[in-house]
């Protein structure tokens, strides 16, 4: 069981972590748009390759 101090620490840690991550994201937002332009194409390619491999494995199991 968690003590009251551990729960308070966990809540404060979570809140401070969310604030820090939000601040870092807002600070880097402009740079991310310039550096990661077109990265959605890579994500689509990776998902496509995953589904192709998944399909090949399913076909292999059906045939053998």
C-alpha atoms as a PDB file:
ATOM      1  CA  UNK A   1       0.000   0.000   0.000  1.00  0.00           C
ATOM      2  CA  UNK A   2       1.191   3.488  -0.721  1.00  0.00           C
ATOM      3  CA  UNK A   3       1.675   6.006   2.035  1.00  0.00           C
ATOM      4  CA  UNK A   4       0.271   9.515   1.886  1.00  0.00           C
ATOM      5  CA  UNK A   5       3.752  10.942   1.232  1.00  0.00           C
ATOM      6  CA  UNK A   6       4.308   8.603  -1.736  1.00  0.00           C
ATOM      7  CA  UNK A   7       0.962   9.566  -3.244  1.00  0.00           C
ATOM      8  CA  UNK A   8       1.691  13.286  -2.856  1.00  0.00           C
ATOM      9  CA  UNK A   9       5.126  12.798  -4.391  1.00  0.00           C
ATOM     10  CA  UNK A  10       3.653  10.867  -7.322  1.00  0.00           C
ATOM     11  CA  UNK A  11       1.051  13.558  -8.007  1.00  0.00           C
ATOM     12  CA  UNK A  12       3.592  16.388  -7.782  1.00  0.00           C
ATOM     13  CA  UNK A  13       6.025  14.485  -9.979  1.00  0.00           C
ATOM     14  CA  UNK A  14       3.359  13.813 -12.602  1.00  0.00           C
ATOM     15  CA  UNK A  15       2.196  17.434 -12.675  1.00  0.00           C
ATOM     16  CA  UNK A  16       5.743  18.802 -12.907  1.00  0.00           C
ATOM     17  CA  UNK A  17       6.590  16.268 -15.633  1.00  0.00           C
ATOM     18  CA  UNK A  18       3.565  17.277 -17.719  1.00  0.00           C
ATOM     19  CA  UNK A  19       4.430  20.966 -17.303  1.00  0.00           C
ATOM     20  CA  UNK A  20       8.063  20.376 -18.308  1.00  0.00           C
ATOM     21  CA  UNK A  21       7.117  18.303 -21.358  1.00  0.00           C
ATOM     22  CA  UNK A  22       4.528  20.891 -22.441  1.00  0.00           C
ATOM     23  CA  UNK A  23       7.049  23.718 -22.085  1.00  0.00           C
ATOM     24  CA  UNK A  24       9.678  21.820 -24.086  1.00  0.00           C
ATOM     25  CA  UNK A  25       7.144  21.021 -26.813  1.00  0.00           C
ATOM     26  CA  UNK A  26       6.005  24.642 -27.117  1.00  0.00           C
ATOM     27  CA  UNK A  27       9.605  25.804 -27.250  1.00  0.00           C
ATOM     28  CA  UNK A  28      10.524  23.364 -30.043  1.00  0.00           C
ATOM     29  CA  UNK A  29       7.286  23.588 -32.019  1.00  0.00           C
ATOM     30  CA  UNK A  30       8.622  25.853 -34.785  1.00  0.00           C
ATOM     31  CA  UNK A  31      11.826  23.864 -35.205  1.00  0.00           C
ATOM     32  CA  UNK A  32       9.955  20.578 -35.403  1.00  0.00           C
ATOM     33  CA  UNK A  33       7.885  21.810 -38.341  1.00  0.00           C
ATOM     34  CA  UNK A  34      11.031  22.707 -40.269  1.00  0.00           C
ATOM     35  CA  UNK A  35      13.080  19.612 -39.460  1.00  0.00           C
ATOM     36  CA  UNK A  36      10.400  16.925 -39.660  1.00  0.00           C
ATOM     37  CA  UNK A  37       8.562  18.039 -42.788  1.00  0.00           C
ATOM     38  CA  UNK A  38       7.272  14.990 -44.658  1.00  0.00           C
ATOM     39  CA  UNK A  39       7.926  12.513 -41.863  1.00  0.00           C
ATOM     40  CA  UNK A  40       4.372  11.198 -42.190  1.00  0.00           C
ATOM     41  CA  UNK A  41       5.488   9.478 -45.409  1.00  0.00           C
ATOM     42  CA  UNK A  42       7.987   7.389 -43.466  1.00  0.00           C
ATOM     43  CA  UNK A  43       5.326   6.443 -40.927  1.00  0.00           C
ATOM     44  CA  UNK A  44       2.946   5.370 -43.697  1.00  0.00           C
ATOM     45  CA  UNK A  45       5.731   3.291 -45.297  1.00  0.00           C
ATOM     46  CA  UNK A  46       6.535   1.545 -41.995  1.00  0.00           C
ATOM     47  CA  UNK A  47       2.865   0.721 -41.404  1.00  0.00           C
ATOM     48  CA  UNK A  48       2.594  -0.572 -44.990  1.00  0.00           C
ATOM     49  CA  UNK A  49       5.648  -2.830 -44.545  1.00  0.00           C
ATOM     50  CA  UNK A  50       4.225  -4.130 -41.262  1.00  0.00           C
ATOM     51  CA  UNK A  51       0.946  -5.100 -42.929  1.00  0.00           C
ATOM     52  CA  UNK A  52       2.749  -6.730 -45.866  1.00  0.00           C
ATOM     53  CA  UNK A  53       4.854  -8.843 -43.500  1.00  0.00           C
ATOM     54  CA  UNK A  54       1.767  -9.678 -41.435  1.00  0.00           C
ATOM     55  CA  UNK A  55      -0.036 -10.773 -44.600  1.00  0.00           C
ATOM     56  CA  UNK A  56       2.889 -12.905 -45.744  1.00  0.00           C
ATOM     57  CA  UNK A  57       3.023 -14.685 -42.397  1.00  0.00           C
ATOM     58  CA  UNK A  58      -0.738 -15.343 -42.498  1.00  0.00           C
ATOM     59  CA  UNK A  59      -0.496 -16.685 -46.058  1.00  0.00           C
ATOM     60  CA  UNK A  60       2.424 -18.920 -45.055  1.00  0.00           C
ATOM     61  CA  UNK A  61       0.420 -20.372 -42.170  1.00  0.00           C
ATOM     62  CA  UNK A  62      -2.550 -21.047 -44.453  1.00  0.00           C
ATOM     63  CA  UNK A  63      -0.454 -22.831 -47.064  1.00  0.00           C
ATOM     64  CA  UNK A  64       1.689 -24.986 -44.793  1.00  0.00           C
END
